[in-house]
Amino acid sequence: MRLRYPHLSSGYIGCDHDQQTLNAKYHGNFSGACMDHVFCLDDIILFPQRIPRMGFFIELYQNETDEFRDAFTKHRSHLKDYLINTAKIANLKANESISRFYINWANLCVRYGLFNEVINNPLIRQFNAVELEAMTMKESAKIDFMLSTGKPVNIGGYLDLAETYIPKHSNEREQIILLNQLIVTYYRHQKSTRSKKVFKYAKDFLSLLEKYESNNLHNQLYCSMGYRGLAMVKEFSFDLQNEFLNKAEFLAMAAKTDHDYHEPVVLENQQICFQSIAKWHLQNGDMKNAEKYLNQMVMVDPYDSTGHSELGLFLIKLEAFEEAGKCFKKAMELGPPGAGMNAYYYAQCLINLGKETDAVDYFKKAAELDPLSISPLLDLLDYYNAKGDQSKANDIVNYIMKHDHLSEQLEAHEIKKMQTSIH
């Protein structure tokens, strides 16, 4: 099948490829293998750490080939139908095996942006051993839907679950799943507020993690994720936050598996861990370690655009435009998320390197890859105005003013300037 981004797109239609991103391997391994009945999902535990927003799928769908669009539409439809049928069976039988299968399948579906389908097809007759996990997953799907649609995030649902289940009969693993989601969501998306209740849960979470650590793959992964979450808690001291990240890294590197299906899960956790540590060092002005961990992030998942893009943004801060440009060009070629953004930053690097003519080509490329972005069009407009090419400048102004999704991004003075500049 002809694909524009084979390293990424192959996984989303359940296919293998020699050089896939970890995300593609995850999807190819689990959704493809399960649909082909290679193995069943009732005896493993999935870790859905990276949940793409709906915008990612819109970008991928728009920029991929017709062959991909057809295959992706069919594959996603099969996932949805399978989820609905599994929910029906699980609600009739209500045993641990079918409940585990349902939860794992729902975790796959949220990684395809099927948030409403998960929300609207919950486990009603829940099996006690996974009851809290099932409810946490549904609440997480609600949060992902809010983030995808630009709605304000609210952790009220997580707090209700914590107050209801944690003092009662839930097991430690389920508590870790819930508290990690609660803490990460709160400290990432409600930064302007402080909550004594959430901080109390963070301290309870720390005690829980310290008891739960063991030489066991699942425990190591859960605790690695958990310590990363605790490192976001601003009420803890700098030294303690740093210690949490060190523990998260140690557990991520200690986690080993001989199972091919678990390998992308283990490596994915390492990649996210390196990303978190890089951001921590960057936030605290340690540029040397920030660069070290960004490079490690790229090394563990070399076909994923995100690492190359973040390394490029870091290098721009250092005004290392030659090296930054290489990162953005690679990220653009590898594909979503942000292919248009990466093309735009590559063009900016070319401008700073004195390669204006090449930069114009990539501003155009950025506008093609991301038709909702006005930035590359404004840069092109400035370029043509500076060159005195009034005809092309007018074409861009007319194009912007003709499309509401672009003109609505302009300030009033920018609109007035454009209207008066047309000849």
Protein backbone atom coordinates (compact mmCIF):
# COMPACT_ATOMS: atom_id res chain seq x y z
CA MET A 1 0.00 0.00 0.00
CA ARG A 2 1.29 3.46 -0.88
CA LEU A 3 1.69 5.58 2.25
CA ARG A 4 3.05 9.11 2.71
CA TYR A 5 4.17 8.43 6.28
CA PRO A 6 4.81 4.66 6.37
CA HIS A 7 6.71 4.76 9.69
CA LEU A 8 3.58 6.05 11.40
CA SER A 9 0.52 5.32 9.27
CA SER A 10 1.13 1.59 8.86
CA GLY A 11 0.41 0.97 12.54
CA TYR A 12 -2.90 2.82 12.47
CA ILE A 13 -4.26 0.35 9.93
CA GLY A 14 -2.94 -2.64 11.86
CA CYS A 15 0.02 -3.37 9.54
CA ASP A 16 3.70 -4.05 10.15
CA HIS A 17 6.60 -2.04 8.74
CA ASP A 18 10.36 -2.48 9.09
CA GLN A 19 10.93 0.95 10.63
CA GLN A 20 7.93 1.99 12.68
CA THR A 21 7.45 4.52 15.44
CA LEU A 22 6.74 3.02 18.85
CA ASN A 23 3.20 4.33 18.50
CA ALA A 24 2.78 2.50 15.18
CA LYS A 25 4.20 -0.70 16.67
CA TYR A 26 1.75 -0.41 19.56
CA HIS A 27 -1.22 -0.18 17.19
CA GLY A 28 0.09 -2.74 14.74
CA ASN A 29 0.86 -5.21 17.50
CA PHE A 30 -2.38 -4.94 19.43
CA SER A 31 -5.23 -3.86 17.17
CA GLY A 32 -3.96 -5.75 14.12
CA ALA A 33 -3.08 -8.94 15.99
CA CYS A 34 -6.33 -9.01 17.95
CA MET A 35 -8.49 -8.50 14.90
CA ASP A 36 -6.61 -11.34 13.22
CA HIS A 37 -7.21 -13.44 16.37
CA VAL A 38 -3.45 -13.94 16.91
CA PHE A 39 -3.95 -13.53 20.65
CA CYS A 40 -6.56 -12.38 23.12
CA LEU A 41 -6.52 -9.25 25.24
CA ASP A 42 -7.88 -10.80 28.40
CA ASP A 43 -4.54 -11.88 29.89
CA ILE A 44 -2.40 -8.75 29.45
CA ILE A 45 -2.59 -5.17 30.73
CA LEU A 46 -2.20 -2.30 28.29
CA PHE A 47 -0.69 1.07 29.20
CA PRO A 48 -2.30 3.78 27.07
CA GLN A 49 0.18 6.56 27.84
CA ARG A 50 0.11 8.67 24.68
CA ILE A 51 -3.45 9.52 23.69
CA PRO A 52 -3.57 11.58 20.44
CA ARG A 53 -6.03 14.44 20.22
CA MET A 54 -8.64 14.44 17.47
CA GLY A 55 -6.62 17.06 15.59
CA PHE A 56 -3.88 14.48 15.07
CA PHE A 57 -6.26 12.18 13.21
CA ILE A 58 -7.63 15.05 11.12
CA GLU A 59 -4.07 15.97 10.12
CA LEU A 60 -3.09 12.38 9.37
CA TYR A 61 -6.25 11.71 7.41
CA GLN A 62 -5.95 14.89 5.33
CA ASN A 63 -2.28 14.47 4.45
CA GLU A 64 -2.15 10.72 3.84
CA THR A 65 -2.97 8.82 0.64
CA ASP A 66 -6.38 7.72 -0.58
CA GLU A 67 -5.37 4.10 0.08
CA PHE A 68 -4.64 4.95 3.71
CA ARG A 69 -7.89 6.87 4.14
CA ASP A 70 -9.91 3.91 2.91
CA ALA A 71 -8.04 1.41 5.08
CA PHE A 72 -8.10 3.67 8.15
CA THR A 73 -11.84 4.30 7.86
CA LYS A 74 -12.54 0.57 7.68
CA HIS A 75 -10.11 -0.29 10.49
CA ARG A 76 -11.54 2.37 12.80
CA SER A 77 -15.07 1.20 12.03
CA HIS A 78 -14.10 -2.36 12.94
CA LEU A 79 -12.60 -1.13 16.22
CA LYS A 80 -15.80 0.72 17.06
CA ASP A 81 -18.03 -2.26 16.24
CA TYR A 82 -15.77 -4.58 18.22
CA LEU A 83 -15.96 -2.23 21.22
CA ILE A 84 -19.76 -2.09 21.14
CA ASN A 85 -20.05 -5.89 20.87
CA THR A 86 -17.47 -6.46 23.59
CA ALA A 87 -19.32 -4.09 25.93
CA LYS A 88 -22.55 -6.02 25.34
CA ILE A 89 -20.88 -9.36 26.09
CA ALA A 90 -19.06 -7.99 29.14
CA ASN A 91 -22.28 -6.55 30.55
CA LEU A 92 -24.00 -9.93 30.15
CA LYS A 93 -21.24 -12.14 31.58
CA ALA A 94 -19.49 -9.79 34.03
CA ASN A 95 -16.44 -11.94 34.75
CA GLU A 96 -12.83 -10.82 35.17
CA SER A 97 -11.59 -12.19 31.84
CA ILE A 98 -14.17 -10.48 29.62
CA SER A 99 -13.97 -7.29 31.71
CA ARG A 100 -10.20 -7.19 31.19
CA PHE A 101 -10.69 -7.75 27.47
CA TYR A 102 -13.18 -4.87 27.34
CA ILE A 103 -10.87 -2.48 29.22
CA ASN A 104 -7.92 -3.28 26.99
CA TRP A 105 -9.99 -2.90 23.84
CA ALA A 106 -11.36 0.43 25.07
CA ASN A 107 -7.79 1.55 25.78
CA LEU A 108 -6.96 0.79 22.16
CA CYS A 109 -10.00 2.71 20.99
CA VAL A 110 -9.08 5.91 22.84
CA ARG A 111 -5.75 5.82 21.03
CA TYR A 112 -7.78 6.07 17.82
CA GLY A 113 -9.74 9.08 19.08
CA LEU A 114 -12.90 7.03 19.72
CA PHE A 115 -13.60 8.90 22.94
CA ASN A 116 -17.38 9.16 22.61
CA GLU A 117 -17.64 5.48 21.72
CA VAL A 118 -15.85 4.56 24.96
CA ILE A 119 -17.95 7.01 26.99
CA ASN A 120 -21.22 5.74 25.51
CA ASN A 121 -20.41 2.01 25.78
CA PRO A 122 -19.27 1.54 29.38
CA LEU A 123 -19.18 -1.51 31.59
CA ILE A 124 -22.48 -1.47 33.46
CA ARG A 125 -22.23 -4.81 35.26
CA GLN A 126 -18.65 -4.33 36.41
CA PHE A 127 -16.55 -7.09 37.85
CA ASN A 128 -15.19 -6.02 41.25
CA ALA A 129 -11.52 -6.71 40.44
CA VAL A 130 -11.49 -4.08 37.68
CA GLU A 131 -14.42 -1.86 38.62
CA LEU A 132 -12.42 1.26 39.49
CA GLU A 133 -10.11 0.79 36.49
CA ALA A 134 -13.11 0.68 34.14
CA MET A 135 -14.60 3.83 35.63
CA THR A 136 -11.25 5.65 35.57
CA MET A 137 -10.84 4.75 31.90
CA LYS A 138 -14.27 6.20 31.08
CA GLU A 139 -13.44 9.39 32.98
CA SER A 140 -10.11 9.63 31.14
CA ALA A 141 -11.94 9.36 27.83
CA LYS A 142 -14.08 12.33 28.92
CA ILE A 143 -10.95 14.36 29.69
CA ASP A 144 -9.40 13.45 26.32
CA PHE A 145 -12.60 14.52 24.59
CA MET A 146 -12.51 17.86 26.45
CA LEU A 147 -8.90 18.43 25.41
CA SER A 148 -9.65 17.51 21.80
CA THR A 149 -12.60 19.89 21.54
CA GLY A 150 -11.10 22.82 23.46
CA LYS A 151 -13.46 22.50 26.42
CA PRO A 152 -12.19 23.38 29.92
CA VAL A 153 -10.83 20.40 31.81
CA ASN A 154 -12.40 19.48 35.12
CA ILE A 155 -11.11 16.82 37.52
CA GLY A 156 -14.39 16.58 39.45
CA GLY A 157 -15.06 13.09 38.08
CA TYR A 158 -11.65 11.83 39.22
CA LEU A 159 -12.18 13.36 42.67
CA ASP A 160 -15.58 11.66 42.99
CA LEU A 161 -14.00 8.30 42.14
CA ALA A 162 -11.17 8.84 44.62
CA GLU A 163 -13.56 9.74 47.43
CA THR A 164 -15.81 6.76 46.68
CA TYR A 165 -13.33 3.98 45.96
CA ILE A 166 -9.98 4.63 47.60
CA PRO A 167 -11.19 4.22 51.21
CA LYS A 168 -13.06 1.07 50.29
CA HIS A 169 -12.36 -2.01 48.22
CA SER A 170 -10.20 -1.01 45.24
CA ASN A 171 -6.78 -2.64 44.84
CA GLU A 172 -3.46 -0.80 44.83
CA ARG A 173 -2.97 -0.99 41.06
CA GLU A 174 -6.36 0.59 40.41
CA GLN A 175 -5.65 3.33 42.95
CA ILE A 176 -2.34 4.09 41.22
CA ILE A 177 -4.09 4.39 37.85
CA LEU A 178 -6.71 6.77 39.23
CA LEU A 179 -4.40 8.95 41.34
CA ASN A 180 -1.86 9.30 38.55
CA GLN A 181 -4.57 10.49 36.15
CA LEU A 182 -6.00 12.85 38.75
CA ILE A 183 -2.65 14.42 39.65
CA VAL A 184 -1.29 14.74 36.12
CA THR A 185 -4.55 16.22 34.80
CA TYR A 186 -4.78 18.70 37.66
CA TYR A 187 -1.21 19.99 37.59
CA ARG A 188 -1.05 20.09 33.78
CA HIS A 189 -4.38 21.77 33.06
CA GLN A 190 -5.39 23.71 36.19
CA LYS A 191 -2.13 25.54 36.84
CA SER A 192 -3.59 28.72 38.28
CA THR A 193 -5.15 27.05 41.31
CA ARG A 194 -3.97 25.13 44.36
CA SER A 195 -5.93 22.41 46.08
CA LYS A 196 -5.19 21.02 49.53
CA LYS A 197 -7.32 18.01 48.65
CA VAL A 198 -5.29 17.20 45.53
CA PHE A 199 -2.01 17.67 47.41
CA LYS A 200 -3.24 15.28 50.10
CA TYR A 201 -3.94 12.71 47.38
CA ALA A 202 -0.44 13.34 46.01
CA LYS A 203 1.07 12.49 49.41
CA ASP A 204 -1.12 9.39 49.65
CA PHE A 205 -0.02 8.48 46.13
CA LEU A 206 3.65 8.72 47.14
CA SER A 207 3.10 6.32 50.03
CA LEU A 208 1.29 3.94 47.71
CA LEU A 209 4.08 3.95 45.11
CA GLU A 210 6.76 3.32 47.71
CA LYS A 211 4.89 0.18 48.78
CA TYR A 212 4.12 -0.96 45.24
CA GLU A 213 7.64 -0.94 43.74
CA SER A 214 8.96 -4.40 42.97
CA ASN A 215 10.94 -6.31 40.36
CA ASN A 216 7.85 -6.84 38.24
CA LEU A 217 7.25 -5.38 34.77
CA HIS A 218 3.77 -4.03 35.44
CA ASN A 219 4.72 -2.57 38.81
CA GLN A 220 7.83 -0.93 37.37
CA LEU A 221 5.82 0.68 34.57
CA TYR A 222 3.05 1.88 36.87
CA CYS A 223 5.51 3.32 39.37
CA SER A 224 7.64 4.94 36.68
CA MET A 225 4.54 6.70 35.36
CA GLY A 226 3.48 7.54 38.90
CA TYR A 227 6.77 9.18 39.89
CA ARG A 228 6.67 11.27 36.70
CA GLY A 229 3.25 12.46 37.77
CA LEU A 230 4.44 13.33 41.28
CA ALA A 231 7.29 15.39 39.82
CA MET A 232 4.62 17.80 38.55
CA VAL A 233 3.38 18.56 42.08
CA LYS A 234 4.66 22.06 42.81
CA GLU A 235 4.02 21.79 46.55
CA PHE A 236 6.85 19.26 46.81
CA SER A 237 10.37 20.66 47.08
CA PHE A 238 12.70 21.00 44.09
CA ASP A 239 14.93 18.24 45.45
CA LEU A 240 11.98 15.90 45.94
CA GLN A 241 10.64 16.57 42.44
CA ASN A 242 14.10 15.86 41.04
CA GLU A 243 14.27 12.63 43.07
CA PHE A 244 10.91 11.53 41.66
CA LEU A 245 12.19 11.98 38.10
CA ASN A 246 15.33 10.01 38.95
CA LYS A 247 13.15 7.18 40.28
CA ALA A 248 10.94 7.33 37.21
CA GLU A 249 13.99 7.00 34.97
CA PHE A 250 15.50 4.17 37.02
CA LEU A 251 12.27 2.15 36.89
CA ALA A 252 11.79 2.88 33.17
CA MET A 253 15.26 1.56 32.39
CA ALA A 254 14.91 -1.41 34.76
CA ALA A 255 11.69 -2.62 33.10
CA LYS A 256 12.54 -5.53 30.80
CA THR A 257 10.44 -7.91 28.76
CA ASP A 258 11.00 -10.87 26.44
CA HIS A 259 7.51 -10.49 24.97
CA ASP A 260 7.47 -8.82 21.54
CA TYR A 261 4.07 -7.30 22.23
CA HIS A 262 5.28 -5.60 25.42
CA GLU A 263 8.47 -4.15 23.92
CA PRO A 264 6.89 -0.99 22.43
CA VAL A 265 5.10 -0.37 25.75
CA VAL A 266 8.40 -0.52 27.67
CA LEU A 267 10.24 1.67 25.16
CA GLU A 268 7.36 4.11 24.96
CA ASN A 269 7.56 4.62 28.71
CA GLN A 270 11.29 5.33 28.39
CA GLN A 271 10.67 7.87 25.64
CA ILE A 272 8.05 9.75 27.64
CA CYS A 273 10.32 9.63 30.68
CA PHE A 274 13.19 11.20 28.71
CA GLN A 275 10.80 13.85 27.42
CA SER A 276 9.65 14.73 30.95
CA ILE A 277 13.21 14.92 32.28
CA ALA A 278 14.31 17.08 29.34
CA LYS A 279 11.48 19.53 30.06
CA TRP A 280 12.43 19.57 33.74
CA HIS A 281 16.06 20.48 32.98
CA LEU A 282 15.00 23.07 30.41
CA GLN A 283 12.61 24.63 32.92
CA ASN A 284 15.45 24.88 35.42
CA GLY A 285 18.03 26.25 32.99
CA ASP A 286 20.18 23.12 32.72
CA MET A 287 20.70 23.23 28.97
CA LYS A 288 23.33 20.49 28.88
CA ASN A 289 21.11 17.86 30.47
CA ALA A 290 18.05 19.09 28.56
CA GLU A 291 19.87 18.44 25.29
CA LYS A 292 21.15 15.07 26.56
CA TYR A 293 17.65 13.80 27.32
CA LEU A 294 16.13 15.22 24.13
CA ASN A 295 18.74 13.25 22.17
CA GLN A 296 17.90 10.13 24.17
CA MET A 297 14.23 10.71 23.38
CA VAL A 298 15.07 10.76 19.66
CA MET A 299 17.29 7.69 19.93
CA VAL A 300 14.66 5.50 21.57
CA ASP A 301 12.02 6.39 18.93
CA PRO A 302 13.92 7.67 15.86
CA TYR A 303 10.97 7.49 13.46
CA ASP A 304 8.65 9.60 15.63
CA SER A 305 8.46 13.28 14.67
CA THR A 306 7.88 14.55 18.22
CA GLY A 307 11.43 14.04 19.46
CA HIS A 308 13.00 15.66 16.40
CA SER A 309 10.59 18.60 16.69
CA GLU A 310 11.29 19.18 20.39
CA LEU A 311 15.04 18.96 19.80
CA GLY A 312 14.64 21.52 16.99
CA LEU A 313 12.78 23.93 19.28
CA PHE A 314 15.56 23.55 21.85
CA LEU A 315 18.26 24.27 19.25
CA ILE A 316 16.42 27.37 18.05
CA LYS A 317 16.75 28.76 21.59
CA LEU A 318 20.51 28.32 21.18
CA GLU A 319 20.31 29.96 17.73
CA ALA A 320 21.82 26.80 16.25
CA PHE A 321 19.74 27.23 13.10
CA GLU A 322 21.62 24.76 10.91
CA GLU A 323 21.12 21.87 13.33
CA ALA A 324 17.60 22.98 14.26
CA GLY A 325 16.66 23.06 10.58
CA LYS A 326 17.77 19.46 10.13
CA CYS A 327 15.54 18.44 13.06
CA PHE A 328 12.48 20.25 11.71
CA LYS A 329 12.97 18.92 8.17
CA LYS A 330 13.21 15.37 9.53
CA ALA A 331 10.14 15.87 11.74
CA MET A 332 8.16 17.27 8.79
CA GLU A 333 9.07 14.28 6.63
CA LEU A 334 8.15 11.76 9.35
CA GLY A 335 4.65 13.23 9.62
CA PRO A 336 2.10 14.18 12.28
CA PRO A 337 1.65 15.59 14.77
CA GLY A 338 2.50 19.10 13.57
CA ALA A 339 3.91 18.43 10.09
CA GLY A 340 2.86 21.92 9.01
CA MET A 341 4.35 23.49 12.13
CA ASN A 342 7.63 21.68 11.52
CA ALA A 343 7.71 22.88 7.90
CA TYR A 344 7.11 26.42 9.17
CA TYR A 345 9.97 26.27 11.67
CA TYR A 346 12.22 24.76 9.02
CA ALA A 347 11.43 27.78 6.83
CA GLN A 348 12.25 30.09 9.75
CA CYS A 349 15.62 28.37 10.14
CA LEU A 350 16.29 28.85 6.42
CA ILE A 351 15.49 32.56 6.76
CA ASN A 352 18.02 32.85 9.58
CA LEU A 353 20.58 31.05 7.42
CA GLY A 354 20.03 33.55 4.60
CA LYS A 355 18.25 31.07 2.32
CA GLU A 356 15.14 33.12 1.58
CA THR A 357 14.23 31.44 -1.71
CA ASP A 358 14.23 27.98 -0.12
CA ALA A 359 12.32 29.34 2.87
CA VAL A 360 9.50 30.55 0.61
CA ASP A 361 9.03 27.00 -0.69
CA TYR A 362 8.66 25.69 2.86
CA PHE A 363 6.32 28.46 3.97
CA LYS A 364 4.13 27.30 1.08
CA LYS A 365 4.61 23.70 2.20
CA ALA A 366 3.60 24.64 5.75
CA ALA A 367 0.40 26.29 4.49
CA GLU A 368 -0.38 23.18 2.45
CA LEU A 369 0.19 20.79 5.34
CA ASP A 370 -1.73 22.93 7.84
CA PRO A 371 -4.43 24.91 6.03
CA LEU A 372 -5.73 26.25 9.36
CA SER A 373 -2.50 28.06 10.20
CA ILE A 374 -2.14 31.70 9.24
CA SER A 375 1.53 32.11 10.27
CA PRO A 376 3.14 30.84 7.02
CA LEU A 377 0.78 33.01 4.96
CA LEU A 378 1.73 36.11 6.93
CA ASP A 379 5.41 35.35 6.45
CA LEU A 380 4.86 34.93 2.72
CA LEU A 381 2.96 38.22 2.66
CA ASP A 382 5.87 40.00 4.37
CA TYR A 383 8.30 38.44 1.91
CA TYR A 384 6.35 39.50 -1.20
CA ASN A 385 5.78 43.00 0.18
CA ALA A 386 9.51 43.34 0.87
CA LYS A 387 10.26 42.20 -2.69
CA GLY A 388 7.69 44.59 -4.13
CA ASP A 389 5.71 41.73 -5.69
CA GLN A 390 2.28 43.33 -5.25
CA SER A 391 0.44 40.74 -7.34
CA LYS A 392 1.43 37.80 -5.13
CA ALA A 393 0.93 39.87 -1.97
CA ASN A 394 -2.62 40.69 -3.14
CA ASP A 395 -3.29 37.01 -3.85
CA ILE A 396 -2.38 36.10 -0.26
CA VAL A 397 -4.47 38.91 1.24
CA ASN A 398 -7.48 37.90 -0.85
CA TYR A 399 -7.02 34.26 0.12
CA ILE A 400 -6.86 35.09 3.83
CA MET A 401 -9.87 37.42 3.75
CA LYS A 402 -11.89 34.88 1.77
CA HIS A 403 -11.50 32.16 4.42
CA ASP A 404 -13.08 32.82 7.81
CA HIS A 405 -10.91 30.27 9.63
CA LEU A 406 -7.88 32.39 8.63
CA SER A 407 -9.25 35.95 8.85
CA GLU A 408 -10.69 35.26 12.31
CA GLN A 409 -7.14 34.74 13.58
CA LEU A 410 -6.19 38.34 12.69
CA GLU A 411 -6.23 41.32 15.01
CA ALA A 412 -8.37 44.29 13.98
CA HIS A 413 -5.37 46.40 12.99
CA GLU A 414 -4.03 43.55 10.83
CA ILE A 415 -7.31 43.28 8.96
CA LYS A 416 -7.36 47.03 8.34
CA LYS A 417 -3.76 46.95 7.14
CA MET A 418 -4.54 44.14 4.71
CA GLN A 419 -7.65 45.81 3.36
CA THR A 420 -5.80 49.06 2.66
CA SER A 421 -2.78 47.29 1.13
CA ILE A 422 -4.66 45.72 -1.79
CA HIS A 423 -4.00 47.43 -5.11
